[in-house]
N, C-alpha and C. Protein backbone atom coordinates (compact mmCIF):
# COMPACT_ATOMS: atom_id res chain seq x y z
N MET A 1 16.53 13.41 -10.60
CA MET A 1 17.27 12.49 -11.40
C MET A 1 17.18 11.08 -10.91
N PHE A 2 17.24 10.89 -9.58
CA PHE A 2 17.11 9.61 -9.08
C PHE A 2 15.75 8.98 -9.28
N LYS A 3 14.68 9.83 -9.14
CA LYS A 3 13.27 9.37 -9.43
C LYS A 3 13.19 9.01 -10.86
N GLU A 4 13.76 9.64 -11.83
CA GLU A 4 13.56 9.25 -13.21
C GLU A 4 14.40 7.98 -13.56
N TRP A 5 15.55 7.85 -12.82
CA TRP A 5 16.30 6.68 -13.00
C TRP A 5 15.49 5.34 -12.47
N ARG A 6 14.86 5.61 -11.35
CA ARG A 6 14.05 4.59 -10.71
C ARG A 6 12.90 4.19 -11.55
N HIS A 7 12.25 5.18 -12.26
CA HIS A 7 11.22 5.08 -13.19
C HIS A 7 11.55 4.21 -14.38
N ARG A 8 12.78 4.52 -15.00
CA ARG A 8 13.25 3.76 -16.12
C ARG A 8 13.57 2.32 -15.77
N ARG A 9 14.09 2.16 -14.54
CA ARG A 9 14.42 0.75 -14.14
C ARG A 9 13.10 -0.08 -14.01
N ALA A 10 12.05 0.60 -13.42
CA ALA A 10 10.82 -0.14 -13.22
C ALA A 10 10.19 -0.56 -14.69
N VAL A 11 10.34 0.40 -15.55
CA VAL A 11 9.82 0.11 -16.95
C VAL A 11 10.59 -1.06 -17.58
N GLN A 12 11.93 -1.05 -17.29
CA GLN A 12 12.77 -2.24 -17.94
C GLN A 12 12.37 -3.51 -17.32
N ARG A 13 11.82 -3.55 -16.21
CA ARG A 13 11.48 -4.82 -15.46
C ARG A 13 10.13 -5.53 -16.07
N VAL A 14 9.41 -4.76 -16.84
CA VAL A 14 8.11 -5.23 -17.38
C VAL A 14 8.43 -6.41 -18.31
N LYS A 15 7.67 -7.51 -18.13
CA LYS A 15 7.77 -8.61 -19.11
C LYS A 15 6.37 -8.75 -19.73
N PRO A 16 6.47 -9.29 -20.98
CA PRO A 16 5.28 -9.36 -21.78
C PRO A 16 4.30 -10.54 -21.25
N GLY A 17 2.97 -10.32 -21.33
CA GLY A 17 2.08 -11.30 -20.82
C GLY A 17 1.85 -12.43 -21.80
N ASP A 18 1.04 -13.31 -21.32
CA ASP A 18 0.78 -14.58 -22.16
C ASP A 18 -0.59 -14.64 -22.70
N GLY A 19 -1.43 -13.50 -22.61
CA GLY A 19 -2.65 -13.43 -23.16
C GLY A 19 -3.78 -14.15 -22.52
N ARG A 20 -3.58 -14.78 -21.29
CA ARG A 20 -4.56 -15.43 -20.61
C ARG A 20 -5.71 -14.44 -20.09
N PRO A 21 -6.96 -15.00 -20.01
CA PRO A 21 -8.03 -14.21 -19.51
C PRO A 21 -7.93 -13.74 -18.01
N LEU A 22 -8.48 -12.67 -17.69
CA LEU A 22 -8.56 -12.20 -16.29
C LEU A 22 -9.62 -13.02 -15.56
N LYS A 23 -9.24 -13.59 -14.46
CA LYS A 23 -10.13 -14.48 -13.60
C LYS A 23 -11.03 -13.41 -12.80
N ARG A 24 -12.20 -13.89 -12.54
CA ARG A 24 -13.10 -13.05 -11.68
C ARG A 24 -12.66 -13.02 -10.30
N PHE A 25 -12.95 -11.89 -9.66
CA PHE A 25 -12.67 -11.80 -8.18
C PHE A 25 -13.60 -12.55 -7.31
N ARG A 26 -13.11 -13.33 -6.41
CA ARG A 26 -13.88 -14.17 -5.66
C ARG A 26 -13.86 -13.57 -4.12
N TRP A 27 -14.92 -13.78 -3.44
CA TRP A 27 -15.08 -13.14 -2.06
C TRP A 27 -14.01 -13.57 -1.17
N TRP A 28 -13.55 -14.86 -1.29
CA TRP A 28 -12.49 -15.23 -0.35
C TRP A 28 -11.10 -14.73 -0.63
N GLN A 29 -11.07 -13.93 -1.69
CA GLN A 29 -9.68 -13.37 -2.02
C GLN A 29 -9.58 -11.95 -1.53
N MET A 30 -10.49 -11.49 -0.69
CA MET A 30 -10.56 -10.09 -0.31
C MET A 30 -9.35 -9.58 0.29
N PHE A 31 -8.56 -10.36 1.14
CA PHE A 31 -7.40 -9.89 1.79
C PHE A 31 -6.15 -10.42 1.18
N THR A 32 -6.24 -11.05 0.06
CA THR A 32 -5.04 -11.68 -0.60
C THR A 32 -4.89 -11.20 -2.03
N ARG A 33 -5.83 -10.40 -2.47
CA ARG A 33 -5.82 -10.02 -3.90
C ARG A 33 -6.32 -8.54 -4.01
N ALA A 34 -5.76 -7.81 -4.81
CA ALA A 34 -6.20 -6.44 -5.13
C ALA A 34 -6.45 -6.40 -6.65
N LEU A 35 -7.54 -5.94 -7.09
CA LEU A 35 -7.95 -5.85 -8.47
C LEU A 35 -8.49 -4.43 -8.79
N PHE A 36 -7.87 -3.62 -9.67
CA PHE A 36 -8.21 -2.25 -9.98
C PHE A 36 -8.44 -2.26 -11.46
N HIS A 37 -9.25 -1.28 -11.91
CA HIS A 37 -9.35 -1.04 -13.28
C HIS A 37 -9.62 0.41 -13.63
N LEU A 38 -9.48 0.79 -14.96
CA LEU A 38 -9.68 2.12 -15.48
C LEU A 38 -9.92 2.06 -16.97
N ARG A 39 -10.89 2.90 -17.40
CA ARG A 39 -11.14 2.92 -18.82
C ARG A 39 -10.33 4.15 -19.50
N LEU A 40 -9.59 3.84 -20.45
CA LEU A 40 -8.82 4.73 -21.15
C LEU A 40 -9.20 4.85 -22.67
N MET A 41 -8.93 5.94 -23.22
CA MET A 41 -9.08 6.14 -24.71
C MET A 41 -7.86 5.76 -25.46
N SER A 42 -8.10 4.76 -26.39
CA SER A 42 -6.97 4.36 -27.16
C SER A 42 -7.17 4.67 -28.61
N ASP A 43 -6.33 4.28 -29.51
CA ASP A 43 -6.43 4.68 -30.89
C ASP A 43 -7.62 3.97 -31.50
N ASP A 44 -7.98 2.88 -30.92
CA ASP A 44 -9.08 2.09 -31.51
C ASP A 44 -10.27 2.30 -30.67
N GLY A 45 -10.35 3.37 -29.79
CA GLY A 45 -11.58 3.56 -28.98
C GLY A 45 -11.24 3.40 -27.55
N ARG A 46 -12.22 2.98 -26.69
CA ARG A 46 -12.07 2.80 -25.30
C ARG A 46 -11.30 1.42 -25.01
N GLN A 47 -10.56 1.55 -24.05
CA GLN A 47 -9.76 0.38 -23.65
C GLN A 47 -9.73 0.24 -22.08
N THR A 48 -10.01 -0.89 -21.54
CA THR A 48 -10.06 -1.13 -20.08
C THR A 48 -8.76 -1.73 -19.58
N VAL A 49 -8.11 -1.06 -18.68
CA VAL A 49 -6.90 -1.47 -18.07
C VAL A 49 -7.19 -2.03 -16.76
N TYR A 50 -6.65 -3.26 -16.47
CA TYR A 50 -6.85 -3.95 -15.17
C TYR A 50 -5.48 -4.16 -14.58
N VAL A 51 -5.43 -3.98 -13.23
CA VAL A 51 -4.18 -4.32 -12.51
C VAL A 51 -4.61 -5.32 -11.36
N ASP A 52 -3.97 -6.51 -11.44
CA ASP A 52 -4.26 -7.60 -10.54
C ASP A 52 -2.98 -7.88 -9.73
N VAL A 53 -3.05 -7.84 -8.40
CA VAL A 53 -1.95 -8.04 -7.56
C VAL A 53 -2.35 -9.19 -6.55
N ARG A 54 -1.64 -10.28 -6.47
CA ARG A 54 -1.84 -11.38 -5.50
C ARG A 54 -0.80 -11.16 -4.48
N HIS A 55 -1.23 -10.69 -3.27
CA HIS A 55 -0.29 -10.40 -2.22
C HIS A 55 0.41 -11.64 -1.78
N GLN A 56 -0.17 -12.82 -1.80
CA GLN A 56 0.46 -14.02 -1.19
C GLN A 56 1.24 -14.74 -2.31
N LYS A 57 1.03 -14.45 -3.59
CA LYS A 57 1.78 -15.12 -4.68
C LYS A 57 2.95 -14.33 -5.04
N GLN A 58 4.16 -14.75 -4.44
CA GLN A 58 5.36 -14.04 -4.66
C GLN A 58 6.23 -14.79 -5.56
N SER A 59 7.09 -14.05 -6.18
CA SER A 59 8.09 -14.69 -7.19
C SER A 59 9.15 -15.49 -6.34
N SER A 60 10.02 -16.15 -7.00
CA SER A 60 11.05 -17.05 -6.35
C SER A 60 11.98 -16.24 -5.47
N ASN A 61 12.12 -14.93 -5.78
CA ASN A 61 13.10 -14.15 -4.93
C ASN A 61 12.30 -13.33 -3.85
N GLY A 62 10.97 -13.63 -3.65
CA GLY A 62 10.26 -12.99 -2.59
C GLY A 62 9.57 -11.75 -2.94
N HIS A 63 9.55 -11.37 -4.24
CA HIS A 63 8.87 -10.09 -4.70
C HIS A 63 7.44 -10.35 -5.03
N VAL A 64 6.59 -9.33 -4.65
CA VAL A 64 5.16 -9.48 -5.16
C VAL A 64 5.12 -8.95 -6.58
N LYS A 65 4.31 -9.65 -7.35
CA LYS A 65 4.16 -9.28 -8.79
C LYS A 65 2.79 -8.55 -9.00
N ALA A 66 2.83 -7.61 -9.93
CA ALA A 66 1.62 -7.02 -10.40
C ALA A 66 1.49 -7.38 -11.88
N HIS A 67 0.16 -7.67 -12.32
CA HIS A 67 -0.10 -8.11 -13.55
C HIS A 67 -1.07 -7.08 -14.23
N LEU A 68 -0.73 -6.77 -15.54
CA LEU A 68 -1.53 -5.79 -16.26
C LEU A 68 -2.39 -6.51 -17.31
N TYR A 69 -3.67 -6.24 -17.35
CA TYR A 69 -4.46 -6.74 -18.27
C TYR A 69 -5.23 -5.74 -19.21
N LEU A 70 -5.15 -5.89 -20.39
CA LEU A 70 -5.87 -4.96 -21.47
C LEU A 70 -7.14 -5.71 -21.94
N ASP A 71 -8.33 -5.06 -21.67
CA ASP A 71 -9.55 -5.59 -22.13
C ASP A 71 -9.70 -7.12 -21.73
N GLY A 72 -9.27 -7.42 -20.44
CA GLY A 72 -9.41 -8.72 -19.91
C GLY A 72 -8.40 -9.79 -20.35
N ARG A 73 -7.34 -9.36 -21.06
CA ARG A 73 -6.30 -10.27 -21.47
C ARG A 73 -4.95 -9.82 -20.83
N HIS A 74 -4.11 -10.92 -20.45
CA HIS A 74 -2.99 -10.57 -19.67
C HIS A 74 -1.94 -9.99 -20.69
N HIS A 75 -1.53 -8.77 -20.39
CA HIS A 75 -0.73 -7.99 -21.35
C HIS A 75 0.82 -7.84 -20.84
N ALA A 76 1.02 -7.82 -19.59
CA ALA A 76 2.27 -7.63 -18.98
C ALA A 76 2.31 -7.89 -17.53
N GLU A 77 3.63 -8.11 -16.99
CA GLU A 77 3.78 -8.37 -15.55
C GLU A 77 5.06 -7.79 -15.11
N SER A 78 5.15 -7.45 -13.82
CA SER A 78 6.46 -6.89 -13.27
C SER A 78 6.31 -7.04 -11.74
N ARG A 79 7.47 -7.23 -11.16
CA ARG A 79 7.43 -7.14 -9.67
C ARG A 79 7.23 -5.63 -9.27
N VAL A 80 6.64 -5.44 -8.04
CA VAL A 80 6.47 -4.13 -7.56
C VAL A 80 7.64 -3.58 -6.88
N PRO A 81 7.93 -2.33 -6.89
CA PRO A 81 7.22 -1.24 -7.63
C PRO A 81 7.15 -1.48 -9.17
N ALA A 82 5.99 -1.34 -9.80
CA ALA A 82 5.87 -1.54 -11.21
C ALA A 82 5.42 -0.31 -12.01
N VAL A 83 5.88 -0.15 -13.21
CA VAL A 83 5.50 0.93 -14.02
C VAL A 83 5.23 0.31 -15.42
N PHE A 84 3.94 0.33 -15.76
CA PHE A 84 3.53 -0.28 -17.03
C PHE A 84 3.18 0.79 -18.10
N PRO A 85 3.85 0.80 -19.20
CA PRO A 85 3.51 1.78 -20.20
C PRO A 85 2.23 1.33 -20.84
N VAL A 86 1.22 2.44 -20.96
CA VAL A 86 -0.04 2.10 -21.60
C VAL A 86 -0.35 3.28 -22.48
N GLN A 87 -1.51 3.34 -23.07
CA GLN A 87 -1.93 4.43 -24.04
C GLN A 87 -1.93 5.72 -23.27
N GLY A 88 -1.14 6.65 -23.68
CA GLY A 88 -1.14 8.03 -23.09
C GLY A 88 -0.38 8.19 -21.85
N GLY A 89 0.23 7.21 -21.31
CA GLY A 89 1.00 7.38 -20.09
C GLY A 89 1.47 6.05 -19.52
N THR A 90 1.48 5.98 -18.17
CA THR A 90 1.91 4.79 -17.52
C THR A 90 0.94 4.50 -16.33
N VAL A 91 0.98 3.13 -15.90
CA VAL A 91 0.28 2.76 -14.70
C VAL A 91 1.32 2.43 -13.68
N GLU A 92 1.26 3.08 -12.53
CA GLU A 92 2.25 2.85 -11.48
C GLU A 92 1.64 2.02 -10.36
N VAL A 93 2.28 1.12 -9.86
CA VAL A 93 1.82 0.18 -8.83
C VAL A 93 2.93 0.11 -7.71
N ARG A 94 2.57 0.41 -6.54
CA ARG A 94 3.53 0.22 -5.40
C ARG A 94 2.83 -0.45 -4.31
N ALA A 95 3.55 -1.22 -3.53
CA ALA A 95 3.00 -2.01 -2.48
C ALA A 95 3.64 -1.65 -1.08
N SER A 96 3.02 -1.95 0.02
CA SER A 96 3.45 -1.82 1.31
C SER A 96 3.32 -3.16 2.07
N ASN A 97 3.65 -3.16 3.28
CA ASN A 97 3.46 -4.41 4.06
C ASN A 97 1.99 -4.78 4.32
N PHE A 98 1.10 -3.80 4.01
CA PHE A 98 -0.23 -3.93 4.38
C PHE A 98 -1.19 -3.95 3.17
N GLY A 99 -0.68 -3.85 1.94
CA GLY A 99 -1.49 -3.86 0.72
C GLY A 99 -0.84 -3.00 -0.31
N LEU A 100 -1.66 -2.26 -1.03
CA LEU A 100 -1.21 -1.35 -2.01
C LEU A 100 -1.18 0.07 -1.47
N LYS A 101 -0.06 0.80 -1.87
CA LYS A 101 -0.10 2.24 -1.52
C LYS A 101 -0.13 3.22 -2.67
N ARG A 102 -0.18 2.52 -3.86
CA ARG A 102 -0.29 3.32 -5.12
C ARG A 102 -0.74 2.43 -6.25
N CYS A 103 -1.77 2.89 -7.00
CA CYS A 103 -2.24 2.17 -8.20
C CYS A 103 -2.78 3.28 -9.00
N HIS A 104 -2.02 4.03 -9.76
CA HIS A 104 -2.43 5.20 -10.51
C HIS A 104 -2.03 5.22 -11.97
N TYR A 105 -2.95 5.83 -12.72
CA TYR A 105 -2.57 6.11 -14.17
C TYR A 105 -2.01 7.51 -14.32
N VAL A 106 -0.81 7.73 -14.71
CA VAL A 106 -0.13 8.90 -14.82
C VAL A 106 0.00 9.22 -16.35
N THR A 107 -0.63 10.32 -16.79
CA THR A 107 -0.46 10.72 -18.17
C THR A 107 0.76 11.27 -18.53
N ALA A 108 1.04 11.41 -19.80
CA ALA A 108 2.36 11.97 -20.31
C ALA A 108 2.53 13.43 -19.76
N GLY A 109 1.38 14.04 -19.62
CA GLY A 109 1.43 15.46 -18.98
C GLY A 109 1.56 15.57 -17.55
N GLY A 110 1.60 14.46 -16.83
CA GLY A 110 1.81 14.46 -15.40
C GLY A 110 0.50 14.33 -14.55
N ALA A 111 -0.68 14.34 -15.19
CA ALA A 111 -1.90 14.23 -14.46
C ALA A 111 -2.01 12.85 -13.88
N GLU A 112 -2.64 12.70 -12.70
CA GLU A 112 -2.68 11.37 -12.05
C GLU A 112 -4.22 10.96 -11.80
N PHE A 113 -4.50 9.73 -12.00
CA PHE A 113 -5.85 9.25 -11.77
C PHE A 113 -5.81 7.86 -11.04
N GLN A 114 -6.36 7.68 -9.91
CA GLN A 114 -6.31 6.54 -9.24
C GLN A 114 -7.24 5.42 -9.84
N LEU A 115 -6.85 4.31 -10.08
CA LEU A 115 -7.60 3.26 -10.62
C LEU A 115 -8.76 2.89 -9.69
N VAL A 116 -9.89 2.32 -10.26
CA VAL A 116 -11.03 2.06 -9.46
C VAL A 116 -10.90 0.53 -8.92
N PRO A 117 -11.20 0.33 -7.70
CA PRO A 117 -11.12 -0.99 -7.15
C PRO A 117 -12.32 -1.85 -7.54
N ASP A 118 -12.12 -3.12 -7.70
CA ASP A 118 -13.23 -4.05 -7.95
C ASP A 118 -14.20 -3.99 -6.76
N THR A 119 -15.51 -3.98 -7.11
CA THR A 119 -16.53 -3.92 -6.04
C THR A 119 -16.48 -4.98 -5.00
N ALA A 120 -16.10 -6.21 -5.35
CA ALA A 120 -15.96 -7.29 -4.49
C ALA A 120 -14.76 -7.35 -3.63
N SER A 121 -13.77 -6.49 -3.99
CA SER A 121 -12.51 -6.58 -3.22
C SER A 121 -12.63 -5.80 -1.94
N ALA A 122 -11.68 -5.92 -1.05
CA ALA A 122 -11.67 -5.21 0.22
C ALA A 122 -11.55 -3.75 0.00
N GLU A 123 -10.69 -3.34 -1.03
CA GLU A 123 -10.57 -1.93 -1.35
C GLU A 123 -11.86 -1.39 -1.89
N GLY A 124 -12.63 -2.26 -2.77
CA GLY A 124 -13.88 -1.76 -3.29
C GLY A 124 -14.93 -1.62 -2.17
N ARG A 125 -14.99 -2.56 -1.26
CA ARG A 125 -15.87 -2.42 -0.20
C ARG A 125 -15.65 -1.22 0.66
N ARG A 126 -14.43 -0.91 0.94
CA ARG A 126 -13.97 0.34 1.66
C ARG A 126 -14.41 1.51 0.90
N ALA A 127 -14.28 1.53 -0.38
CA ALA A 127 -14.66 2.78 -1.20
C ALA A 127 -16.23 2.81 -1.16
N HIS A 128 -16.90 1.82 -1.06
CA HIS A 128 -18.38 1.88 -1.04
C HIS A 128 -18.78 2.43 0.14
N LEU A 129 -18.14 2.02 1.33
CA LEU A 129 -18.47 2.66 2.60
C LEU A 129 -18.27 4.16 2.61
N ASP A 130 -17.17 4.58 1.98
CA ASP A 130 -16.91 6.06 1.95
C ASP A 130 -17.96 6.77 1.19
N ARG A 131 -18.50 6.13 0.11
CA ARG A 131 -19.56 6.85 -0.65
C ARG A 131 -20.87 6.84 0.02
N ALA A 132 -21.16 5.70 0.67
CA ALA A 132 -22.54 5.50 1.29
C ALA A 132 -22.57 6.16 2.66
N HIS A 133 -21.53 6.19 3.34
CA HIS A 133 -21.52 6.78 4.71
C HIS A 133 -20.23 7.64 4.92
N PRO A 134 -20.11 8.72 4.29
CA PRO A 134 -18.89 9.58 4.32
C PRO A 134 -18.51 9.99 5.80
N ALA A 135 -19.43 10.30 6.61
CA ALA A 135 -19.18 10.73 7.93
C ALA A 135 -18.45 9.50 8.74
N LEU A 136 -19.09 8.35 8.65
CA LEU A 136 -18.45 7.15 9.29
C LEU A 136 -17.13 6.88 8.73
N SER A 137 -17.01 7.09 7.35
CA SER A 137 -15.69 6.75 6.79
C SER A 137 -14.57 7.64 7.31
N ARG A 138 -14.96 9.05 7.37
CA ARG A 138 -13.93 9.95 7.89
C ARG A 138 -13.58 9.63 9.35
N LEU A 139 -14.58 9.19 10.23
CA LEU A 139 -14.30 8.75 11.56
C LEU A 139 -13.33 7.61 11.61
N ILE A 140 -13.61 6.59 10.78
CA ILE A 140 -12.73 5.42 10.83
C ILE A 140 -11.31 5.87 10.45
N GLY A 141 -11.19 6.68 9.31
CA GLY A 141 -9.93 7.15 8.86
C GLY A 141 -9.11 7.97 9.93
N SER A 142 -9.85 8.83 10.65
CA SER A 142 -9.27 9.62 11.75
C SER A 142 -8.77 8.72 12.86
N LEU A 143 -9.63 7.68 13.23
CA LEU A 143 -9.19 6.67 14.24
C LEU A 143 -7.90 5.93 13.87
N SER A 144 -7.81 5.60 12.64
CA SER A 144 -6.66 4.89 12.14
C SER A 144 -5.44 5.73 12.23
N VAL A 145 -5.50 6.95 11.93
CA VAL A 145 -4.34 7.96 12.13
C VAL A 145 -4.01 8.02 13.60
N MET A 146 -5.07 8.25 14.43
CA MET A 146 -4.75 8.39 15.81
C MET A 146 -4.08 7.24 16.43
N MET A 147 -4.49 6.01 16.10
CA MET A 147 -3.89 4.82 16.63
C MET A 147 -2.44 4.71 16.17
N LEU A 148 -2.13 5.13 14.91
CA LEU A 148 -0.83 5.09 14.50
C LEU A 148 0.05 6.13 15.09
N VAL A 149 -0.49 7.29 15.37
CA VAL A 149 0.25 8.40 16.20
C VAL A 149 0.59 7.85 17.48
N ILE A 150 -0.45 7.25 18.17
CA ILE A 150 -0.21 6.81 19.59
C ILE A 150 0.85 5.75 19.55
N GLY A 151 0.83 4.77 18.61
CA GLY A 151 1.83 3.76 18.54
C GLY A 151 3.18 4.30 18.27
N LEU A 152 3.29 5.33 17.45
CA LEU A 152 4.57 5.88 17.11
C LEU A 152 5.18 6.55 18.35
N VAL A 153 4.26 7.33 19.11
CA VAL A 153 4.80 8.04 20.25
C VAL A 153 5.30 6.99 21.34
N LEU A 154 4.49 6.02 21.61
CA LEU A 154 4.89 4.99 22.56
C LEU A 154 6.25 4.25 22.12
N LEU A 155 6.32 4.04 20.83
CA LEU A 155 7.54 3.36 20.30
C LEU A 155 8.73 4.33 20.56
N ILE A 156 8.62 5.57 20.27
CA ILE A 156 9.76 6.50 20.50
C ILE A 156 10.14 6.66 21.97
N LEU A 157 9.14 6.75 22.88
CA LEU A 157 9.38 6.71 24.26
C LEU A 157 10.12 5.49 24.73
N GLN A 158 9.65 4.32 24.28
CA GLN A 158 10.39 3.14 24.70
C GLN A 158 11.89 2.95 24.14
N LEU A 159 12.06 3.58 22.92
CA LEU A 159 13.48 3.58 22.27
C LEU A 159 14.32 4.50 23.07
N VAL A 160 13.86 5.68 23.49
CA VAL A 160 14.60 6.66 24.30
C VAL A 160 15.01 6.04 25.56
N GLU A 161 14.10 5.34 26.12
CA GLU A 161 14.36 4.74 27.53
C GLU A 161 15.46 3.69 27.34
N GLN A 162 15.42 2.85 26.32
CA GLN A 162 16.39 1.91 26.05
C GLN A 162 17.73 2.45 25.82
N VAL A 163 17.88 3.47 25.05
CA VAL A 163 19.18 4.05 24.67
C VAL A 163 19.90 4.84 25.81
N THR A 164 19.04 5.28 26.77
CA THR A 164 19.55 5.97 27.89
C THR A 164 19.69 5.19 29.16
N ARG A 165 19.50 3.86 29.04
CA ARG A 165 19.47 2.95 30.29
C ARG A 165 20.89 2.71 30.70
N ASP A 166 21.85 2.67 29.75
CA ASP A 166 23.21 2.36 30.15
C ASP A 166 23.95 3.63 30.76
N PRO A 167 24.34 3.65 32.00
CA PRO A 167 24.77 4.84 32.66
C PRO A 167 26.19 5.18 32.02
N GLU A 168 26.87 4.30 31.44
CA GLU A 168 28.16 4.57 30.77
C GLU A 168 28.01 4.93 29.30
N GLY A 169 26.88 4.96 28.75
CA GLY A 169 26.60 5.36 27.45
C GLY A 169 26.05 6.74 27.26
N LEU A 170 25.04 6.92 26.51
CA LEU A 170 24.47 8.16 26.25
C LEU A 170 23.96 8.77 27.51
N ALA A 171 23.56 8.08 28.56
CA ALA A 171 22.98 8.53 29.80
C ALA A 171 23.96 9.56 30.52
N GLN A 172 25.24 9.29 30.39
CA GLN A 172 26.19 10.31 30.99
C GLN A 172 26.20 11.67 30.47
N TYR A 173 25.65 11.76 29.28
CA TYR A 173 25.66 13.13 28.62
C TYR A 173 24.27 13.73 28.74
N VAL A 174 23.15 12.99 28.64
CA VAL A 174 21.78 13.51 28.63
C VAL A 174 21.09 13.04 29.80
N GLY A 175 21.42 12.17 30.58
CA GLY A 175 20.77 11.65 31.74
C GLY A 175 19.91 10.45 31.26
N THR A 176 19.31 9.81 32.34
CA THR A 176 18.42 8.62 31.97
C THR A 176 16.91 9.18 31.74
N PHE A 177 16.30 8.30 31.00
CA PHE A 177 14.84 8.76 30.73
C PHE A 177 13.97 7.44 31.08
N THR A 178 12.90 7.68 31.80
CA THR A 178 11.95 6.63 32.04
C THR A 178 10.64 7.01 31.33
N SER A 179 10.17 6.05 30.57
CA SER A 179 8.97 6.23 29.78
C SER A 179 7.75 6.32 30.71
N PRO A 180 6.88 7.33 30.50
CA PRO A 180 5.78 7.48 31.35
C PRO A 180 4.67 6.45 31.06
N ALA A 181 4.84 5.73 30.04
CA ALA A 181 3.88 4.69 29.59
C ALA A 181 4.60 3.43 29.48
N ASP A 182 4.51 2.51 30.53
CA ASP A 182 5.22 1.29 30.60
C ASP A 182 4.20 0.17 30.40
N LEU A 183 4.10 -0.28 29.25
CA LEU A 183 3.13 -1.31 28.85
C LEU A 183 3.67 -2.70 29.15
N PRO A 184 2.75 -3.54 29.60
CA PRO A 184 3.08 -4.95 29.78
C PRO A 184 3.30 -5.66 28.46
N GLY A 185 3.74 -6.90 28.51
CA GLY A 185 3.93 -7.61 27.25
C GLY A 185 2.67 -7.66 26.45
N TRP A 186 1.53 -8.09 27.15
CA TRP A 186 0.24 -8.19 26.36
C TRP A 186 -0.18 -6.87 25.86
N GLY A 187 0.17 -5.77 26.60
CA GLY A 187 -0.24 -4.46 26.06
C GLY A 187 0.46 -4.10 24.79
N ASN A 188 1.84 -4.43 24.75
CA ASN A 188 2.58 -4.21 23.48
C ASN A 188 2.00 -4.96 22.32
N ALA A 189 1.56 -6.29 22.73
CA ALA A 189 1.03 -7.12 21.66
C ALA A 189 -0.25 -6.56 21.11
N VAL A 190 -1.13 -6.07 21.97
CA VAL A 190 -2.42 -5.49 21.60
C VAL A 190 -2.16 -4.22 20.75
N LEU A 191 -1.14 -3.40 21.19
CA LEU A 191 -0.82 -2.23 20.41
C LEU A 191 -0.40 -2.54 19.02
N GLY A 192 0.43 -3.54 18.97
CA GLY A 192 0.95 -3.99 17.60
C GLY A 192 -0.19 -4.40 16.67
N LEU A 193 -1.10 -5.20 17.18
CA LEU A 193 -2.29 -5.54 16.40
C LEU A 193 -3.16 -4.36 15.90
N VAL A 194 -3.30 -3.50 16.86
CA VAL A 194 -4.16 -2.36 16.50
C VAL A 194 -3.47 -1.38 15.43
N THR A 195 -2.16 -1.26 15.61
CA THR A 195 -1.53 -0.46 14.51
C THR A 195 -1.44 -1.07 13.25
N VAL A 196 -1.36 -2.44 13.20
CA VAL A 196 -1.44 -3.19 11.95
C VAL A 196 -2.76 -3.06 11.29
N ALA A 197 -3.78 -3.21 12.12
CA ALA A 197 -5.20 -3.01 11.65
C ALA A 197 -5.35 -1.59 11.06
N ALA A 198 -4.81 -0.61 11.75
CA ALA A 198 -4.96 0.81 11.24
C ALA A 198 -4.19 1.00 10.01
N SER A 199 -2.98 0.52 9.82
CA SER A 199 -2.33 0.51 8.50
C SER A 199 -3.03 -0.29 7.43
N THR A 200 -3.63 -1.35 7.74
CA THR A 200 -4.30 -2.15 6.72
C THR A 200 -5.54 -1.33 6.20
N GLU A 201 -6.26 -0.66 7.16
CA GLU A 201 -7.41 0.05 6.76
C GLU A 201 -7.05 1.24 5.82
N ARG A 202 -5.82 1.83 6.18
CA ARG A 202 -5.35 2.91 5.29
C ARG A 202 -4.94 2.40 3.95
N ALA A 203 -4.41 1.23 3.96
CA ALA A 203 -3.98 0.57 2.70
C ALA A 203 -5.19 0.32 1.67
N LEU A 204 -6.28 0.07 2.35
CA LEU A 204 -7.47 -0.16 1.55
C LEU A 204 -7.94 1.02 0.86
N ARG A 205 -7.43 2.25 1.35
CA ARG A 205 -7.73 3.55 0.64
C ARG A 205 -6.54 4.08 -0.12
N LEU A 206 -5.52 3.20 -0.25
CA LEU A 206 -4.20 3.58 -0.80
C LEU A 206 -3.63 4.73 -0.16
N ARG A 207 -3.73 4.77 1.12
CA ARG A 207 -3.08 5.88 1.93
C ARG A 207 -1.76 5.31 2.55
N TYR A 208 -0.66 6.02 2.56
CA TYR A 208 0.59 5.55 3.11
C TYR A 208 1.41 6.57 3.64
N SER A 209 1.98 6.60 4.83
CA SER A 209 2.97 7.55 5.30
C SER A 209 4.17 6.68 5.74
N ARG A 210 5.30 7.03 5.35
CA ARG A 210 6.50 6.30 5.70
C ARG A 210 6.76 6.41 7.16
N LEU A 211 6.33 7.53 7.76
CA LEU A 211 6.52 7.69 9.21
C LEU A 211 5.59 6.96 9.98
N LEU A 212 4.30 6.95 9.63
CA LEU A 212 3.36 6.25 10.43
C LEU A 212 3.14 4.81 10.05
N ASP A 213 2.78 4.57 8.87
CA ASP A 213 2.64 3.11 8.41
C ASP A 213 3.94 2.32 8.29
N GLY A 214 5.07 3.05 8.03
CA GLY A 214 6.32 2.41 7.96
C GLY A 214 6.75 1.96 9.31
N GLY A 215 6.40 2.76 10.46
CA GLY A 215 6.66 2.38 11.75
C GLY A 215 5.90 1.27 12.25
N ALA A 216 4.64 1.11 11.62
CA ALA A 216 3.81 -0.02 12.02
C ALA A 216 4.28 -1.33 11.41
N GLY A 217 4.98 -1.24 10.36
CA GLY A 217 5.40 -2.38 9.61
C GLY A 217 6.78 -2.83 9.89
């Protein structure tokens, strides 16, 4: 019930577009813009749906906006998470601190299809790597998960050490705990950069885990 209510709220946030043409993706926008598309069958034949998200262009209240284009013309806009009604279903867009975690067309019957990233975008280049070098792509994906797991484990160890440090607090019931991995300040900084890079790589594939990627953000 809560999911349906959230879905209806997202649909109500959609505002009509102004009909402006979709601008081409430029190479310098790789890490500030996401552009996806999908061809759908409409009553008049084929129709191309585009989703354009500018990560750095936020609304006055700090929300990232998603823009929907139909056949290259601005049709609607909404802050994310966004749900755009289209022919035969909806287009759902969700963002994380590292990019997009969802950009899917959901049919009225519940089938889901991920939109295709523009070839010039960071997401499109990552998808090309996956097609051209699948073994390397899987290795990079596995390394990203491994880095996030290591970062999460070290974070938990440090938190447990902090909460059991006070002898008059939790330590009197469970004892004190000393983390076996005591990283210096620069080590924590490097770990933070690595985990951000790992979550960014996963966002390029629209992968997101609240436990792993949420902890990195």
